[in-house]
C-alpha atoms as a PDB file:
ATOM      1  CA  UNK A   1     177.451 150.228  90.655  1.00  0.00           C
ATOM      2  CA  UNK A   2     175.731 148.807  93.887  1.00  0.00           C
ATOM      3  CA  UNK A   3     174.633 150.768  97.186  1.00  0.00           C
ATOM      4  CA  UNK A   4     173.813 149.540 100.226  1.00  0.00           C
ATOM      5  CA  UNK A   5     172.272 151.823 102.764  1.00  0.00           C
ATOM      6  CA  UNK A   6     172.380 150.751 106.170  1.00  0.00           C
ATOM      7  CA  UNK A   7     169.525 152.185 108.734  1.00  0.00           C
ATOM      8  CA  UNK A   8     170.755 151.745 112.467  1.00  0.00           C
ATOM      9  CA  UNK A   9     169.070 154.599 113.825  1.00  0.00           C
ATOM     10  CA  UNK A  10     165.719 154.906 115.482  1.00  0.00           C
ATOM     11  CA  UNK A  11     166.062 158.679 114.354  1.00  0.00           C
ATOM     12  CA  UNK A  12     163.007 159.236 111.955  1.00  0.00           C
ATOM     13  CA  UNK A  13     164.896 162.266 110.267  1.00  0.00           C
ATOM     14  CA  UNK A  14     167.647 159.282 109.900  1.00  0.00           C
ATOM     15  CA  UNK A  15     165.163 156.773 108.371  1.00  0.00           C
ATOM     16  CA  UNK A  16     163.673 159.024 105.784  1.00  0.00           C
ATOM     17  CA  UNK A  17     167.245 160.290 104.648  1.00  0.00           C
ATOM     18  CA  UNK A  18     168.299 157.085 104.543  1.00  0.00           C
ATOM     19  CA  UNK A  19     165.028 155.891 102.064  1.00  0.00           C
ATOM     20  CA  UNK A  20     165.427 159.039 100.025  1.00  0.00           C
ATOM     21  CA  UNK A  21     169.163 158.339  99.685  1.00  0.00           C
ATOM     22  CA  UNK A  22     167.619 155.043  98.169  1.00  0.00           C
ATOM     23  CA  UNK A  23     165.168 156.388  96.331  1.00  0.00           C
ATOM     24  CA  UNK A  24     167.837 159.048  94.341  1.00  0.00           C
ATOM     25  CA  UNK A  25     169.744 156.317  93.515  1.00  0.00           C
ATOM     26  CA  UNK A  26     167.427 154.702  91.766  1.00  0.00           C
ATOM     27  CA  UNK A  27     166.277 157.776  89.990  1.00  0.00           C
ATOM     28  CA  UNK A  28     169.763 158.437  89.057  1.00  0.00           C
ATOM     29  CA  UNK A  29     169.667 159.627  85.033  1.00  0.00           C
ATOM     30  CA  UNK A  30     173.269 158.038  84.233  1.00  0.00           C
ATOM     31  CA  UNK A  31     172.428 154.293  84.316  1.00  0.00           C
ATOM     32  CA  UNK A  32     174.889 153.697  86.173  1.00  0.00           C
ATOM     33  CA  UNK A  33     173.268 152.390  89.432  1.00  0.00           C
ATOM     34  CA  UNK A  34     172.587 148.589  88.857  1.00  0.00           C
ATOM     35  CA  UNK A  35     171.209 147.639  92.456  1.00  0.00           C
ATOM     36  CA  UNK A  36     169.983 149.050  95.854  1.00  0.00           C
ATOM     37  CA  UNK A  37     169.468 147.149  99.290  1.00  0.00           C
ATOM     38  CA  UNK A  38     168.533 147.978 102.752  1.00  0.00           C
ATOM     39  CA  UNK A  39     169.734 146.861 105.921  1.00  0.00           C
ATOM     40  CA  UNK A  40     167.521 148.109 108.930  1.00  0.00           C
ATOM     41  CA  UNK A  41     168.925 146.941 112.219  1.00  0.00           C
ATOM     42  CA  UNK A  42     168.867 147.938 115.932  1.00  0.00           C
ATOM     43  CA  UNK A  43     166.567 150.962 116.330  1.00  0.00           C
ATOM     44  CA  UNK A  44     166.470 151.394 112.376  1.00  0.00           C
ATOM     45  CA  UNK A  45     164.312 148.272 112.494  1.00  0.00           C
ATOM     46  CA  UNK A  46     161.087 150.829 112.922  1.00  0.00           C
ATOM     47  CA  UNK A  47     161.909 151.576 109.177  1.00  0.00           C
ATOM     48  CA  UNK A  48     160.425 148.680 107.964  1.00  0.00           C
ATOM     49  CA  UNK A  49     157.832 147.753 110.107  1.00  0.00           C
ATOM     50  CA  UNK A  50     153.854 147.130 109.437  1.00  0.00           C
ATOM     51  CA  UNK A  51     152.939 150.040 111.990  1.00  0.00           C
ATOM     52  CA  UNK A  52     155.809 152.580 110.994  1.00  0.00           C
ATOM     53  CA  UNK A  53     155.510 156.020 109.600  1.00  0.00           C
ATOM     54  CA  UNK A  54     158.013 154.857 106.621  1.00  0.00           C
ATOM     55  CA  UNK A  55     155.257 152.120 105.478  1.00  0.00           C
ATOM     56  CA  UNK A  56     154.326 154.373 102.007  1.00  0.00           C
ATOM     57  CA  UNK A  57     157.845 155.150 100.977  1.00  0.00           C
ATOM     58  CA  UNK A  58     159.507 151.173 101.929  1.00  0.00           C
ATOM     59  CA  UNK A  59     156.793 149.668 100.099  1.00  0.00           C
ATOM     60  CA  UNK A  60     157.704 152.026  96.960  1.00  0.00           C
ATOM     61  CA  UNK A  61     160.875 150.923  97.268  1.00  0.00           C
ATOM     62  CA  UNK A  62     160.355 147.370  97.093  1.00  0.00           C
ATOM     63  CA  UNK A  63     158.092 147.896  94.318  1.00  0.00           C
ATOM     64  CA  UNK A  64     161.017 149.214  92.271  1.00  0.00           C
ATOM     65  CA  UNK A  65     163.486 146.211  93.193  1.00  0.00           C
ATOM     66  CA  UNK A  66     164.886 147.268  96.225  1.00  0.00           C
ATOM     67  CA  UNK A  67     165.746 144.966  98.294  1.00  0.00           C
ATOM     68  CA  UNK A  68     164.763 145.791 101.893  1.00  0.00           C
ATOM     69  CA  UNK A  69     166.745 143.210 104.630  1.00  0.00           C
ATOM     70  CA  UNK A  70     165.887 142.828 108.106  1.00  0.00           C
ATOM     71  CA  UNK A  71     168.394 141.711 111.113  1.00  0.00           C
ATOM     72  CA  UNK A  72     166.333 138.564 112.896  1.00  0.00           C
ATOM     73  CA  UNK A  73     169.169 139.291 116.097  1.00  0.00           C
ATOM     74  CA  UNK A  74     167.427 142.746 116.255  1.00  0.00           C
ATOM     75  CA  UNK A  75     163.507 141.031 115.971  1.00  0.00           C
ATOM     76  CA  UNK A  76     164.532 138.587 118.670  1.00  0.00           C
ATOM     77  CA  UNK A  77     166.107 141.508 121.439  1.00  0.00           C
ATOM     78  CA  UNK A  78     162.779 143.222 120.323  1.00  0.00           C
ATOM     79  CA  UNK A  79     160.545 140.370 120.825  1.00  0.00           C
ATOM     80  CA  UNK A  80     159.347 141.151 117.262  1.00  0.00           C
ATOM     81  CA  UNK A  81     158.082 138.188 115.038  1.00  0.00           C
ATOM     82  CA  UNK A  82     158.980 138.455 111.055  1.00  0.00           C
ATOM     83  CA  UNK A  83     154.928 139.428 110.955  1.00  0.00           C
ATOM     84  CA  UNK A  84     155.619 142.916 112.178  1.00  0.00           C
ATOM     85  CA  UNK A  85     157.662 143.877 109.228  1.00  0.00           C
ATOM     86  CA  UNK A  86     156.311 144.624 105.909  1.00  0.00           C
ATOM     87  CA  UNK A  87     155.681 142.136 103.026  1.00  0.00           C
ATOM     88  CA  UNK A  88     158.591 142.052 100.714  1.00  0.00           C
ATOM     89  CA  UNK A  89     161.297 142.665 103.431  1.00  0.00           C
ATOM     90  CA  UNK A  90     163.726 139.822 104.168  1.00  0.00           C
ATOM     91  CA  UNK A  91     165.002 138.937 107.344  1.00  0.00           C
ATOM     92  CA  UNK A  92     168.850 137.964 107.627  1.00  0.00           C
ATOM     93  CA  UNK A  93     170.530 136.222 110.837  1.00  0.00           C
ATOM     94  CA  UNK A  94     172.537 139.400 111.120  1.00  0.00           C
ATOM     95  CA  UNK A  95     172.280 142.703 110.081  1.00  0.00           C
ATOM     96  CA  UNK A  96     175.747 143.532 110.162  1.00  0.00           C
ATOM     97  CA  UNK A  97     176.984 140.564 108.490  1.00  0.00           C
ATOM     98  CA  UNK A  98     174.543 140.979 105.830  1.00  0.00           C
ATOM     99  CA  UNK A  99     176.313 144.664 105.188  1.00  0.00           C
ATOM    100  CA  UNK A 100     179.473 143.125 105.195  1.00  0.00           C
ATOM    101  CA  UNK A 101     178.524 139.982 102.942  1.00  0.00           C
ATOM    102  CA  UNK A 102     177.126 143.056 100.177  1.00  0.00           C
ATOM    103  CA  UNK A 103     180.406 145.098 100.635  1.00  0.00           C
ATOM    104  CA  UNK A 104     182.156 142.069  99.553  1.00  0.00           C
ATOM    105  CA  UNK A 105     180.560 141.613  96.407  1.00  0.00           C
ATOM    106  CA  UNK A 106     181.146 145.119  95.369  1.00  0.00           C
ATOM    107  CA  UNK A 107     178.345 147.064  96.685  1.00  0.00           C
ATOM    108  CA  UNK A 108     179.110 150.902  98.225  1.00  0.00           C
ATOM    109  CA  UNK A 109     178.436 151.495 101.624  1.00  0.00           C
ATOM    110  CA  UNK A 110     176.337 154.609 102.859  1.00  0.00           C
ATOM    111  CA  UNK A 111     174.804 155.096 105.873  1.00  0.00           C
ATOM    112  CA  UNK A 112     173.019 158.716 106.869  1.00  0.00           C
END
């Protein structure tokens, strides 16, 4: 199984919940989870910023093979640069399109 976690909110509790969901999926002992992805957009972009509160959690997920993507449209709207994002976070043109693409590839959708 494959799962995408979609983080849109600026609420820190929701961001932490999204990251915890990803961690729990990785630690599933049934070995039924093959891939975990996270897509951030809108206010959820704070989750992957270099100056954010979730740096350690995101870096650990990246190290464990989670694909983390950030919406380029959001970066532009918020006047941010790719350099404002943690190393290893990929940018995609549109977060919603990326989520849709992943769902089309069979990823289950979760949103905290």
